[in-house]
Amino acid sequence: MGDMVGQHEIHFSGWGETITIRHTAHSRETFAVGALRAAAWIVGRPPGLHTMRDVLSATDPHHDCK
């Protein structure tokens, strides 16, 4: 596939075996959506240490899932 813009792998290895999980992104839009969501989330927040877990645990404003 010639449209790969990012690939990440994580390996869990033990004695005699390895489990590999791979994520492949085919569009930078995937990353842009996340960056915009994080930017919208941070507006109005007090100064401090915030994590991506904070952002990702927030309700997605583009879906009516609650």
C-alpha atoms as a PDB file:
ATOM      1  CA  MET A   1       0.000   0.000   0.000  1.00  0.00           C
ATOM      2  CA  GLY A   2       1.500   3.286  -1.040  1.00  0.00           C
ATOM      3  CA  ASP A   3      -0.711   5.504   1.105  1.00  0.00           C
ATOM      4  CA  MET A   4       0.770   4.652   4.524  1.00  0.00           C
ATOM      5  CA  VAL A   5       1.567   7.818   6.512  1.00  0.00           C
ATOM      6  CA  GLY A   6       2.270   6.231   9.879  1.00  0.00           C
ATOM      7  CA  GLN A   7       2.826   2.839  11.423  1.00  0.00           C
ATOM      8  CA  HIS A   8       3.260   1.843  15.049  1.00  0.00           C
ATOM      9  CA  GLU A   9       3.920  -1.571  16.523  1.00  0.00           C
ATOM     10  CA  ILE A  10       4.014  -2.943  20.025  1.00  0.00           C
ATOM     11  CA  HIS A  11       5.517  -6.327  20.805  1.00  0.00           C
ATOM     12  CA  PHE A  12       4.789  -8.534  23.784  1.00  0.00           C
ATOM     13  CA  SER A  13       7.456 -11.206  23.930  1.00  0.00           C
ATOM     14  CA  GLY A  14       7.797 -14.214  26.149  1.00  0.00           C
ATOM     15  CA  TRP A  15       9.792 -17.388  26.077  1.00  0.00           C
ATOM     16  CA  GLY A  16       9.430 -18.743  22.551  1.00  0.00           C
ATOM     17  CA  GLU A  17       6.637 -16.447  21.370  1.00  0.00           C
ATOM     18  CA  THR A  18       5.796 -12.863  20.441  1.00  0.00           C
ATOM     19  CA  ILE A  19       2.455 -11.124  20.050  1.00  0.00           C
ATOM     20  CA  THR A  20       2.553  -8.047  17.804  1.00  0.00           C
ATOM     21  CA  ILE A  21      -0.128  -5.366  17.509  1.00  0.00           C
ATOM     22  CA  ARG A  22       0.225  -2.983  14.559  1.00  0.00           C
ATOM     23  CA  HIS A  23      -1.588   0.251  13.796  1.00  0.00           C
ATOM     24  CA  THR A  24      -1.299   1.677  10.285  1.00  0.00           C
ATOM     25  CA  ALA A  25      -2.609   5.134   9.376  1.00  0.00           C
ATOM     26  CA  HIS A  26      -3.534   5.770   5.761  1.00  0.00           C
ATOM     27  CA  SER A  27      -4.439   9.446   6.122  1.00  0.00           C
ATOM     28  CA  ARG A  28      -3.068  12.331   8.160  1.00  0.00           C
ATOM     29  CA  GLU A  29      -6.692  13.336   8.730  1.00  0.00           C
ATOM     30  CA  THR A  30      -6.769  10.762  11.530  1.00  0.00           C
ATOM     31  CA  PHE A  31      -4.099  12.718  13.411  1.00  0.00           C
ATOM     32  CA  ALA A  32      -5.635  16.107  12.591  1.00  0.00           C
ATOM     33  CA  VAL A  33      -9.015  15.105  14.040  1.00  0.00           C
ATOM     34  CA  GLY A  34      -7.329  14.117  17.300  1.00  0.00           C
ATOM     35  CA  ALA A  35      -5.320  17.340  17.453  1.00  0.00           C
ATOM     36  CA  LEU A  36      -8.447  19.448  16.882  1.00  0.00           C
ATOM     37  CA  ARG A  37     -10.337  17.502  19.537  1.00  0.00           C
ATOM     38  CA  ALA A  38      -7.519  18.075  22.048  1.00  0.00           C
ATOM     39  CA  ALA A  39      -7.365  21.796  21.178  1.00  0.00           C
ATOM     40  CA  ALA A  40     -11.125  22.187  21.669  1.00  0.00           C
ATOM     41  CA  TRP A  41     -10.934  20.297  24.974  1.00  0.00           C
ATOM     42  CA  ILE A  42      -8.167  22.475  26.446  1.00  0.00           C
ATOM     43  CA  VAL A  43      -9.989  25.787  25.851  1.00  0.00           C
ATOM     44  CA  GLY A  44     -11.082  27.185  29.204  1.00  0.00           C
ATOM     45  CA  ARG A  45      -9.214  24.588  31.279  1.00  0.00           C
ATOM     46  CA  PRO A  46      -7.104  25.848  34.162  1.00  0.00           C
ATOM     47  CA  PRO A  47      -3.317  25.741  33.851  1.00  0.00           C
ATOM     48  CA  GLY A  48      -1.846  22.447  34.943  1.00  0.00           C
ATOM     49  CA  LEU A  49      -0.750  19.038  33.803  1.00  0.00           C
ATOM     50  CA  HIS A  50      -3.262  17.446  31.447  1.00  0.00           C
ATOM     51  CA  THR A  51      -2.874  14.083  29.738  1.00  0.00           C
ATOM     52  CA  MET A  52      -4.262  12.548  26.578  1.00  0.00           C
ATOM     53  CA  ARG A  53      -6.195  10.228  28.886  1.00  0.00           C
ATOM     54  CA  ASP A  54      -8.072  13.323  30.129  1.00  0.00           C
ATOM     55  CA  VAL A  55      -8.888  14.338  26.555  1.00  0.00           C
ATOM     56  CA  LEU A  56      -9.863  10.854  25.404  1.00  0.00           C
ATOM     57  CA  SER A  57     -12.084  10.189  28.413  1.00  0.00           C
ATOM     58  CA  ALA A  58     -14.133  13.314  27.663  1.00  0.00           C
ATOM     59  CA  THR A  59     -17.411  12.941  25.804  1.00  0.00           C
ATOM     60  CA  ASP A  60     -16.896  13.121  22.058  1.00  0.00           C
ATOM     61  CA  PRO A  61     -18.685  16.313  20.910  1.00  0.00           C
ATOM     62  CA  HIS A  62     -19.308  14.826  17.444  1.00  0.00           C
ATOM     63  CA  HIS A  63     -21.328  11.841  18.674  1.00  0.00           C
ATOM     64  CA  ASP A  64     -24.437  11.512  20.782  1.00  0.00           C
ATOM     65  CA  CYS A  65     -23.055   8.523  22.685  1.00  0.00           C
ATOM     66  CA  LYS A  66     -23.398   8.857  26.438  1.00  0.00           C
END
